[in-house]
């Protein structure tokens, strides 16, 4: 789900050699962590729910938001590296 395809199905650009390293993980961790911490604090201060309600709210939210952020930032970093011509390997298959 988070892997990079070998070649683009539309333009046949070779992407198999791409490595985004830890960039997408860092951005997803910072953004999702900030959102979950802020929203959980707001819910706690406003409604004072039981601990199980927090678990029911924030575990699924964290999982879904992390996957969406990781996919988005991986795509963004691959695009930026391509646009800046920093990708190694042949440009087309």
PDB file of N, CA and C in Angstrom:
ATOM      1  N   UNK A   1       0.822  -1.191   0.000  1.00  0.00           N
ATOM      2  CA  UNK A   1       0.000   0.000   0.000  1.00  0.00           C
ATOM      3  C   UNK A   1       0.870   1.260   0.000  1.00  0.00           C
ATOM      4  N   UNK A   2       2.075   1.178   0.544  1.00  0.00           N
ATOM      5  CA  UNK A   2       2.947   2.344   0.576  1.00  0.00           C
ATOM      6  C   UNK A   2       4.148   2.203  -0.350  1.00  0.00           C
ATOM      7  N   UNK A   3       4.180   1.143  -1.131  1.00  0.00           N
ATOM      8  CA  UNK A   3       5.309   0.936  -2.027  1.00  0.00           C
ATOM      9  C   UNK A   3       5.195   1.789  -3.278  1.00  0.00           C
ATOM     10  N   UNK A   4       6.336   1.969  -3.928  1.00  0.00           N
ATOM     11  CA  UNK A   4       6.375   2.717  -5.184  1.00  0.00           C
ATOM     12  C   UNK A   4       6.358   1.703  -6.314  1.00  0.00           C
ATOM     13  N   UNK A   5       5.507   1.899  -7.315  1.00  0.00           N
ATOM     14  CA  UNK A   5       5.432   0.987  -8.453  1.00  0.00           C
ATOM     15  C   UNK A   5       6.715   1.091  -9.277  1.00  0.00           C
ATOM     16  N   UNK A   6       7.016   0.036 -10.028  1.00  0.00           N
ATOM     17  CA  UNK A   6       8.235   0.040 -10.845  1.00  0.00           C
ATOM     18  C   UNK A   6       8.166   1.065 -11.972  1.00  0.00           C
ATOM     19  N   UNK A   7       7.026   1.117 -12.643  1.00  0.00           N
ATOM     20  CA  UNK A   7       6.847   2.097 -13.723  1.00  0.00           C
ATOM     21  C   UNK A   7       5.439   2.676 -13.653  1.00  0.00           C
ATOM     22  N   UNK A   8       5.319   3.905 -14.095  1.00  0.00           N
ATOM     23  CA  UNK A   8       4.021   4.575 -14.154  1.00  0.00           C
ATOM     24  C   UNK A   8       3.191   3.933 -15.265  1.00  0.00           C
ATOM     25  N   UNK A   9       1.935   3.632 -14.972  1.00  0.00           N
ATOM     26  CA  UNK A   9       1.065   2.999 -15.962  1.00  0.00           C
ATOM     27  C   UNK A   9       0.703   3.945 -17.103  1.00  0.00           C
ATOM     28  N   UNK A  10       0.751   5.239 -16.876  1.00  0.00           N
ATOM     29  CA  UNK A  10       0.367   6.212 -17.886  1.00  0.00           C
ATOM     30  C   UNK A  10       1.532   6.635 -18.772  1.00  0.00           C
ATOM     31  N   UNK A  11       2.633   7.069 -18.155  1.00  0.00           N
ATOM     32  CA  UNK A  11       3.745   7.635 -18.932  1.00  0.00           C
ATOM     33  C   UNK A  11       4.966   6.726 -18.990  1.00  0.00           C
ATOM     34  N   UNK A  12       4.932   5.594 -18.318  1.00  0.00           N
ATOM     35  CA  UNK A  12       6.018   4.601 -18.302  1.00  0.00           C
ATOM     36  C   UNK A  12       7.308   5.138 -17.697  1.00  0.00           C
ATOM     37  N   UNK A  13       7.205   6.088 -16.787  1.00  0.00           N
ATOM     38  CA  UNK A  13       8.359   6.608 -16.082  1.00  0.00           C
ATOM     39  C   UNK A  13       8.854   5.557 -15.098  1.00  0.00           C
ATOM     40  N   UNK A  14      10.146   5.291 -15.069  1.00  0.00           N
ATOM     41  CA  UNK A  14      10.727   4.304 -14.169  1.00  0.00           C
ATOM     42  C   UNK A  14      10.822   4.886 -12.759  1.00  0.00           C
ATOM     43  N   UNK A  15      10.118   4.259 -11.819  1.00  0.00           N
ATOM     44  CA  UNK A  15      10.103   4.728 -10.435  1.00  0.00           C
ATOM     45  C   UNK A  15      10.622   3.678  -9.457  1.00  0.00           C
ATOM     46  N   UNK A  16      10.968   2.501  -9.931  1.00  0.00           N
ATOM     47  CA  UNK A  16      11.361   1.410  -9.056  1.00  0.00           C
ATOM     48  C   UNK A  16      12.604   1.680  -8.250  1.00  0.00           C
ATOM     49  N   UNK A  17      13.460   2.560  -8.703  1.00  0.00           N
ATOM     50  CA  UNK A  17      14.711   2.857  -8.016  1.00  0.00           C
ATOM     51  C   UNK A  17      14.561   3.946  -6.964  1.00  0.00           C
ATOM     52  N   UNK A  18      13.366   4.483  -6.794  1.00  0.00           N
ATOM     53  CA  UNK A  18      13.154   5.598  -5.868  1.00  0.00           C
ATOM     54  C   UNK A  18      13.203   5.136  -4.417  1.00  0.00           C
ATOM     55  N   UNK A  19      13.797   5.967  -3.556  1.00  0.00           N
ATOM     56  CA  UNK A  19      13.836   5.700  -2.125  1.00  0.00           C
ATOM     57  C   UNK A  19      13.551   7.008  -1.396  1.00  0.00           C
ATOM     58  N   UNK A  20      12.387   7.118  -0.771  1.00  0.00           N
ATOM     59  CA  UNK A  20      12.016   8.344  -0.061  1.00  0.00           C
ATOM     60  C   UNK A  20      12.612   8.382   1.341  1.00  0.00           C
ATOM     61  N   UNK A  21      13.240   7.287   1.761  1.00  0.00           N
ATOM     62  CA  UNK A  21      13.865   7.178   3.084  1.00  0.00           C
ATOM     63  C   UNK A  21      12.838   7.449   4.183  1.00  0.00           C
ATOM     64  N   UNK A  22      13.196   8.274   5.155  1.00  0.00           N
ATOM     65  CA  UNK A  22      12.321   8.517   6.301  1.00  0.00           C
ATOM     66  C   UNK A  22      11.542   9.815   6.200  1.00  0.00           C
ATOM     67  N   UNK A  23      11.603  10.492   5.078  1.00  0.00           N
ATOM     68  CA  UNK A  23      10.908  11.768   4.927  1.00  0.00           C
ATOM     69  C   UNK A  23       9.413  11.687   5.144  1.00  0.00           C
ATOM     70  N   UNK A  24       8.707  10.785   4.433  1.00  0.00           N
ATOM     71  CA  UNK A  24       7.254  10.698   4.631  1.00  0.00           C
ATOM     72  C   UNK A  24       6.873  10.326   6.062  1.00  0.00           C
ATOM     73  N   UNK A  25       7.661   9.462   6.675  1.00  0.00           N
ATOM     74  CA  UNK A  25       7.375   9.040   8.048  1.00  0.00           C
ATOM     75  C   UNK A  25       7.497  10.209   9.009  1.00  0.00           C
ATOM     76  N   UNK A  26       8.532  11.018   8.833  1.00  0.00           N
ATOM     77  CA  UNK A  26       8.718  12.181   9.706  1.00  0.00           C
ATOM     78  C   UNK A  26       7.546  13.144   9.599  1.00  0.00           C
ATOM     79  N   UNK A  27       7.170  13.498   8.379  1.00  0.00           N
ATOM     80  CA  UNK A  27       6.079  14.449   8.204  1.00  0.00           C
ATOM     81  C   UNK A  27       4.753  13.899   8.731  1.00  0.00           C
ATOM     82  N   UNK A  28       4.483  12.627   8.473  1.00  0.00           N
ATOM     83  CA  UNK A  28       3.245  12.018   8.973  1.00  0.00           C
ATOM     84  C   UNK A  28       3.239  11.978  10.497  1.00  0.00           C
ATOM     85  N   UNK A  29       4.365  11.624  11.092  1.00  0.00           N
ATOM     86  CA  UNK A  29       4.456  11.565  12.554  1.00  0.00           C
ATOM     87  C   UNK A  29       4.202  12.923  13.183  1.00  0.00           C
ATOM     88  N   UNK A  30       4.801  13.948  12.634  1.00  0.00           N
ATOM     89  CA  UNK A  30       4.648  15.289  13.196  1.00  0.00           C
ATOM     90  C   UNK A  30       3.217  15.789  13.037  1.00  0.00           C
ATOM     91  N   UNK A  31       2.656  15.654  11.853  1.00  0.00           N
ATOM     92  CA  UNK A  31       1.326  16.194  11.598  1.00  0.00           C
ATOM     93  C   UNK A  31       0.248  15.413  12.347  1.00  0.00           C
ATOM     94  N   UNK A  32       0.279  14.089  12.243  1.00  0.00           N
ATOM     95  CA  UNK A  32      -0.743  13.282  12.920  1.00  0.00           C
ATOM     96  C   UNK A  32      -0.592  13.390  14.434  1.00  0.00           C
ATOM     97  N   UNK A  33       0.635  13.400  14.924  1.00  0.00           N
ATOM     98  CA  UNK A  33       0.846  13.567  16.361  1.00  0.00           C
ATOM     99  C   UNK A  33       0.309  14.884  16.877  1.00  0.00           C
ATOM    100  N   UNK A  34       0.549  15.951  16.119  1.00  0.00           N
ATOM    101  CA  UNK A  34       0.030  17.263  16.502  1.00  0.00           C
ATOM    102  C   UNK A  34      -1.493  17.263  16.514  1.00  0.00           C
ATOM    103  N   UNK A  35      -2.110  16.701  15.467  1.00  0.00           N
ATOM    104  CA  UNK A  35      -3.574  16.665  15.394  1.00  0.00           C
ATOM    105  C   UNK A  35      -4.191  15.843  16.520  1.00  0.00           C
ATOM    106  N   UNK A  36      -3.659  14.651  16.727  1.00  0.00           N
ATOM    107  CA  UNK A  36      -4.237  13.768  17.752  1.00  0.00           C
ATOM    108  C   UNK A  36      -4.065  14.371  19.144  1.00  0.00           C
ATOM    109  N   UNK A  37      -2.895  14.901  19.424  1.00  0.00           N
ATOM    110  CA  UNK A  37      -2.666  15.496  20.742  1.00  0.00           C
ATOM    111  C   UNK A  37      -3.580  16.690  20.977  1.00  0.00           C
ATOM    112  N   UNK A  38      -3.668  17.570  19.987  1.00  0.00           N
ATOM    113  CA  UNK A  38      -4.528  18.743  20.138  1.00  0.00           C
ATOM    114  C   UNK A  38      -6.003  18.401  20.249  1.00  0.00           C
ATOM    115  N   UNK A  39      -6.458  17.507  19.380  1.00  0.00           N
ATOM    116  CA  UNK A  39      -7.877  17.128  19.420  1.00  0.00           C
ATOM    117  C   UNK A  39      -8.231  16.342  20.684  1.00  0.00           C
ATOM    118  N   UNK A  40      -7.343  15.456  21.120  1.00  0.00           N
ATOM    119  CA  UNK A  40      -7.606  14.697  22.344  1.00  0.00           C
ATOM    120  C   UNK A  40      -7.642  15.622  23.555  1.00  0.00           C
ATOM    121  N   UNK A  41      -6.765  16.606  23.590  1.00  0.00           N
ATOM    122  CA  UNK A  41      -6.787  17.572  24.699  1.00  0.00           C
ATOM    123  C   UNK A  41      -8.074  18.389  24.665  1.00  0.00           C
ATOM    124  N   UNK A  42      -8.478  18.818  23.468  1.00  0.00           N
ATOM    125  CA  UNK A  42      -9.716  19.590  23.357  1.00  0.00           C
ATOM    126  C   UNK A  42     -10.927  18.776  23.804  1.00  0.00           C
ATOM    127  N   UNK A  43     -11.011  17.512  23.367  1.00  0.00           N
ATOM    128  CA  UNK A  43     -12.131  16.642  23.767  1.00  0.00           C
ATOM    129  C   UNK A  43     -12.123  16.425  25.275  1.00  0.00           C
ATOM    130  N   UNK A  44     -10.951  16.217  25.840  1.00  0.00           N
ATOM    131  CA  UNK A  44     -10.847  15.986  27.285  1.00  0.00           C
ATOM    132  C   UNK A  44     -11.287  17.218  28.069  1.00  0.00           C
ATOM    133  N   UNK A  45     -10.838  18.374  27.657  1.00  0.00           N
ATOM    134  CA  UNK A  45     -11.187  19.605  28.376  1.00  0.00           C
ATOM    135  C   UNK A  45     -12.660  19.950  28.203  1.00  0.00           C
ATOM    136  N   UNK A  46     -13.189  19.742  27.003  1.00  0.00           N
ATOM    137  CA  UNK A  46     -14.571  20.126  26.717  1.00  0.00           C
ATOM    138  C   UNK A  46     -15.593  19.140  27.283  1.00  0.00           C
ATOM    139  N   UNK A  47     -15.370  17.829  27.052  1.00  0.00           N
ATOM    140  CA  UNK A  47     -16.396  16.834  27.385  1.00  0.00           C
ATOM    141  C   UNK A  47     -16.035  15.922  28.552  1.00  0.00           C
ATOM    142  N   UNK A  48     -14.785  15.816  28.913  1.00  0.00           N
ATOM    143  CA  UNK A  48     -14.296  14.938  29.979  1.00  0.00           C
ATOM    144  C   UNK A  48     -14.847  13.509  29.856  1.00  0.00           C
ATOM    145  N   UNK A  49     -14.616  12.854  28.715  1.00  0.00           N
ATOM    146  CA  UNK A  49     -15.134  11.491  28.546  1.00  0.00           C
ATOM    147  C   UNK A  49     -14.272  10.469  29.293  1.00  0.00           C
ATOM    148  N   UNK A  50     -14.783   9.248  29.363  1.00  0.00           N
ATOM    149  CA  UNK A  50     -14.027   8.153  29.979  1.00  0.00           C
ATOM    150  C   UNK A  50     -12.841   7.783  29.091  1.00  0.00           C
ATOM    151  N   UNK A  51     -11.899   7.075  29.659  1.00  0.00           N
ATOM    152  CA  UNK A  51     -10.686   6.708  28.933  1.00  0.00           C
ATOM    153  C   UNK A  51     -10.997   5.811  27.737  1.00  0.00           C
ATOM    154  N   UNK A  52     -11.983   4.933  27.855  1.00  0.00           N
ATOM    155  CA  UNK A  52     -12.319   4.055  26.736  1.00  0.00           C
ATOM    156  C   UNK A  52     -12.869   4.837  25.546  1.00  0.00           C
ATOM    157  N   UNK A  53     -13.497   5.981  25.796  1.00  0.00           N
ATOM    158  CA  UNK A  53     -13.996   6.813  24.702  1.00  0.00           C
ATOM    159  C   UNK A  53     -12.809   7.401  23.927  1.00  0.00           C
ATOM    160  N   UNK A  54     -11.786   7.835  24.653  1.00  0.00           N
ATOM    161  CA  UNK A  54     -10.582   8.334  23.990  1.00  0.00           C
ATOM    162  C   UNK A  54      -9.954   7.243  23.123  1.00  0.00           C
ATOM    163  N   UNK A  55      -9.866   6.036  23.666  1.00  0.00           N
ATOM    164  CA  UNK A  55      -9.296   4.923  22.895  1.00  0.00           C
ATOM    165  C   UNK A  55     -10.139   4.642  21.655  1.00  0.00           C
ATOM    166  N   UNK A  56     -11.442   4.682  21.809  1.00  0.00           N
ATOM    167  CA  UNK A  56     -12.352   4.431  20.689  1.00  0.00           C
ATOM    168  C   UNK A  56     -12.245   5.518  19.614  1.00  0.00           C
ATOM    169  N   UNK A  57     -11.984   6.734  20.028  1.00  0.00           N
ATOM    170  CA  UNK A  57     -11.853   7.840  19.073  1.00  0.00           C
ATOM    171  C   UNK A  57     -10.484   7.901  18.412  1.00  0.00           C
ATOM    172  N   UNK A  58      -9.426   7.844  19.200  1.00  0.00           N
ATOM    173  CA  UNK A  58      -8.103   8.226  18.704  1.00  0.00           C
ATOM    174  C   UNK A  58      -7.298   7.096  18.090  1.00  0.00           C
ATOM    175  N   UNK A  59      -7.550   5.865  18.456  1.00  0.00           N
ATOM    176  CA  UNK A  59      -6.808   4.757  17.826  1.00  0.00           C
ATOM    177  C   UNK A  59      -7.170   4.633  16.347  1.00  0.00           C
ATOM    178  N   UNK A  60      -8.461   4.549  15.985  1.00  0.00           N
ATOM    179  CA  UNK A  60      -8.788   4.485  14.553  1.00  0.00           C
ATOM    180  C   UNK A  60      -8.399   5.767  13.800  1.00  0.00           C
ATOM    181  N   UNK A  61      -8.605   6.921  14.422  1.00  0.00           N
ATOM    182  CA  UNK A  61      -8.246   8.183  13.783  1.00  0.00           C
ATOM    183  C   UNK A  61      -6.752   8.227  13.478  1.00  0.00           C
ATOM    184  N   UNK A  62      -5.930   7.808  14.440  1.00  0.00           N
ATOM    185  CA  UNK A  62      -4.483   7.808  14.254  1.00  0.00           C
ATOM    186  C   UNK A  62      -4.082   6.863  13.134  1.00  0.00           C
ATOM    187  N   UNK A  63      -4.670   5.687  13.094  1.00  0.00           N
ATOM    188  CA  UNK A  63      -4.342   4.715  12.058  1.00  0.00           C
ATOM    189  C   UNK A  63      -4.688   5.235  10.667  1.00  0.00           C
ATOM    190  N   UNK A  64      -5.902   5.715  10.488  1.00  0.00           N
ATOM    191  CA  UNK A  64      -6.349   6.189   9.178  1.00  0.00           C
ATOM    192  C   UNK A  64      -5.575   7.443   8.755  1.00  0.00           C
ATOM    193  N   UNK A  65      -5.401   8.371   9.664  1.00  0.00           N
ATOM    194  CA  UNK A  65      -4.672   9.595   9.339  1.00  0.00           C
ATOM    195  C   UNK A  65      -3.219   9.304   8.998  1.00  0.00           C
ATOM    196  N   UNK A  66      -2.606   8.351   9.684  1.00  0.00           N
ATOM    197  CA  UNK A  66      -1.211   8.002   9.393  1.00  0.00           C
ATOM    198  C   UNK A  66      -1.070   7.410   8.003  1.00  0.00           C
ATOM    199  N   UNK A  67      -1.956   6.498   7.637  1.00  0.00           N
ATOM    200  CA  UNK A  67      -1.893   5.895   6.302  1.00  0.00           C
ATOM    201  C   UNK A  67      -2.103   6.955   5.225  1.00  0.00           C
ATOM    202  N   UNK A  68      -3.095   7.820   5.411  1.00  0.00           N
ATOM    203  CA  UNK A  68      -3.347   8.867   4.419  1.00  0.00           C
ATOM    204  C   UNK A  68      -2.171   9.829   4.305  1.00  0.00           C
ATOM    205  N   UNK A  69      -1.601  10.218   5.434  1.00  0.00           N
ATOM    206  CA  UNK A  69      -0.455  11.132   5.405  1.00  0.00           C
ATOM    207  C   UNK A  69       0.766  10.468   4.791  1.00  0.00           C
ATOM    208  N   UNK A  70       1.020   9.211   5.126  1.00  0.00           N
ATOM    209  CA  UNK A  70       2.180   8.529   4.564  1.00  0.00           C
ATOM    210  C   UNK A  70       2.079   8.426   3.049  1.00  0.00           C
ATOM    211  N   UNK A  71       0.910   8.048   2.557  1.00  0.00           N
ATOM    212  CA  UNK A  71       0.734   7.955   1.095  1.00  0.00           C
ATOM    213  C   UNK A  71       0.886   9.313   0.434  1.00  0.00           C
ATOM    214  N   UNK A  72       0.292  10.335   1.026  1.00  0.00           N
ATOM    215  CA  UNK A  72       0.368  11.674   0.443  1.00  0.00           C
ATOM    216  C   UNK A  72       1.792  12.205   0.427  1.00  0.00           C
ATOM    217  N   UNK A  73       2.501  12.057   1.528  1.00  0.00           N
ATOM    218  CA  UNK A  73       3.857  12.598   1.593  1.00  0.00           C
ATOM    219  C   UNK A  73       4.844  11.776   0.785  1.00  0.00           C
ATOM    220  N   UNK A  74       4.619  10.482   0.659  1.00  0.00           N
ATOM    221  CA  UNK A  74       5.499   9.684  -0.199  1.00  0.00           C
ATOM    222  C   UNK A  74       5.323  10.123  -1.648  1.00  0.00           C
ATOM    223  N   UNK A  75       4.078  10.320  -2.073  1.00  0.00           N
ATOM    224  CA  UNK A  75       3.812  10.809  -3.420  1.00  0.00           C
ATOM    225  C   UNK A  75       4.431  12.181  -3.630  1.00  0.00           C
ATOM    226  N   UNK A  76       4.265  13.053  -2.659  1.00  0.00           N
ATOM    227  CA  UNK A  76       4.816  14.402  -2.764  1.00  0.00           C
ATOM    228  C   UNK A  76       6.338  14.374  -2.874  1.00  0.00           C
ATOM    229  N   UNK A  77       7.014  13.560  -2.069  1.00  0.00           N
ATOM    230  CA  UNK A  77       8.472  13.509  -2.111  1.00  0.00           C
ATOM    231  C   UNK A  77       8.992  12.890  -3.411  1.00  0.00           C
ATOM    232  N   UNK A  78       8.295  11.884  -3.939  1.00  0.00           N
ATOM    233  CA  UNK A  78       8.694  11.315  -5.231  1.00  0.00           C
ATOM    234  C   UNK A  78       8.545  12.378  -6.319  1.00  0.00           C
ATOM    235  N   UNK A  79       7.457  13.127  -6.276  1.00  0.00           N
ATOM    236  CA  UNK A  79       7.222  14.171  -7.266  1.00  0.00           C
ATOM    237  C   UNK A  79       8.269  15.275  -7.170  1.00  0.00           C
ATOM    238  N   UNK A  80       8.582  15.697  -5.973  1.00  0.00           N
ATOM    239  CA  UNK A  80       9.585  16.756  -5.796  1.00  0.00           C
ATOM    240  C   UNK A  80      10.946  16.287  -6.284  1.00  0.00           C
ATOM    241  N   UNK A  81      11.326  15.060  -5.959  1.00  0.00           N
ATOM    242  CA  UNK A  81      12.616  14.560  -6.418  1.00  0.00           C
ATOM    243  C   UNK A  81      12.654  14.448  -7.936  1.00  0.00           C
ATOM    244  N   UNK A  82      11.565  14.051  -8.535  1.00  0.00           N
ATOM    245  CA  UNK A  82      11.522  13.981  -9.995  1.00  0.00           C
ATOM    246  C   UNK A  82      11.637  15.371 -10.609  1.00  0.00           C
ATOM    247  N   UNK A  83      10.865  16.319 -10.068  1.00  0.00           N
ATOM    248  CA  UNK A  83      10.876  17.676 -10.621  1.00  0.00           C
ATOM    249  C   UNK A  83      12.238  18.351 -10.464  1.00  0.00           C
ATOM    250  N   UNK A  84      12.960  18.009  -9.388  1.00  0.00           N
ATOM    251  CA  UNK A  84      14.283  18.592  -9.166  1.00  0.00           C
ATOM    252  C   UNK A  84      15.397  17.750  -9.791  1.00  0.00           C
ATOM    253  N   UNK A  85      14.991  16.719 -10.522  1.00  0.00           N
ATOM    254  CA  UNK A  85      15.939  15.832 -11.219  1.00  0.00           C
ATOM    255  C   UNK A  85      16.955  15.202 -10.270  1.00  0.00           C
ATOM    256  N   UNK A  86      16.471  14.738  -9.112  1.00  0.00           N
ATOM    257  CA  UNK A  86      17.340  14.118  -8.131  1.00  0.00           C
ATOM    258  C   UNK A  86      17.157  12.611  -8.057  1.00  0.00           C
ATOM    259  N   UNK A  87      16.380  12.044  -8.959  1.00  0.00           N
ATOM    260  CA  UNK A  87      16.160  10.608  -8.944  1.00  0.00           C
ATOM    261  C   UNK A  87      17.285   9.927  -9.715  1.00  0.00           C
ATOM    262  N   UNK A  88      17.807   8.865  -9.133  1.00  0.00           N
ATOM    263  CA  UNK A  88      18.862   8.106  -9.799  1.00  0.00           C
ATOM    264  C   UNK A  88      18.255   7.116 -10.776  1.00  0.00           C
ATOM    265  N   UNK A  89      19.010   6.731 -11.763  1.00  0.00           N
ATOM    266  CA  UNK A  89      18.544   5.723 -12.701  1.00  0.00           C
ATOM    267  C   UNK A  89      18.000   6.333 -13.975  1.00  0.00           C
ATOM    268  N   UNK A  90      17.557   5.481 -14.878  1.00  0.00           N
ATOM    269  CA  UNK A  90      17.044   5.964 -16.159  1.00  0.00           C
ATOM    270  C   UNK A  90      15.694   6.647 -15.992  1.00  0.00           C
ATOM    271  N   UNK A  91      15.429   7.745 -16.730  1.00  0.00           N
ATOM    272  CA  UNK A  91      14.164   8.443 -16.588  1.00  0.00           C
ATOM    273  C   UNK A  91      12.978   7.684 -17.169  1.00  0.00           C
ATOM    274  N   UNK A  92      13.198   6.877 -18.212  1.00  0.00           N
ATOM    275  CA  UNK A  92      12.082   6.142 -18.825  1.00  0.00           C
ATOM    276  C   UNK A  92      12.495   4.686 -19.011  1.00  0.00           C
ATOM    277  N   UNK A  93      11.508   3.803 -18.879  1.00  0.00           N
ATOM    278  CA  UNK A  93      11.775   2.374 -19.046  1.00  0.00           C
ATOM    279  C   UNK A  93      11.759   2.001 -20.508  1.00  0.00           C
TER     280      UNK A  93
END
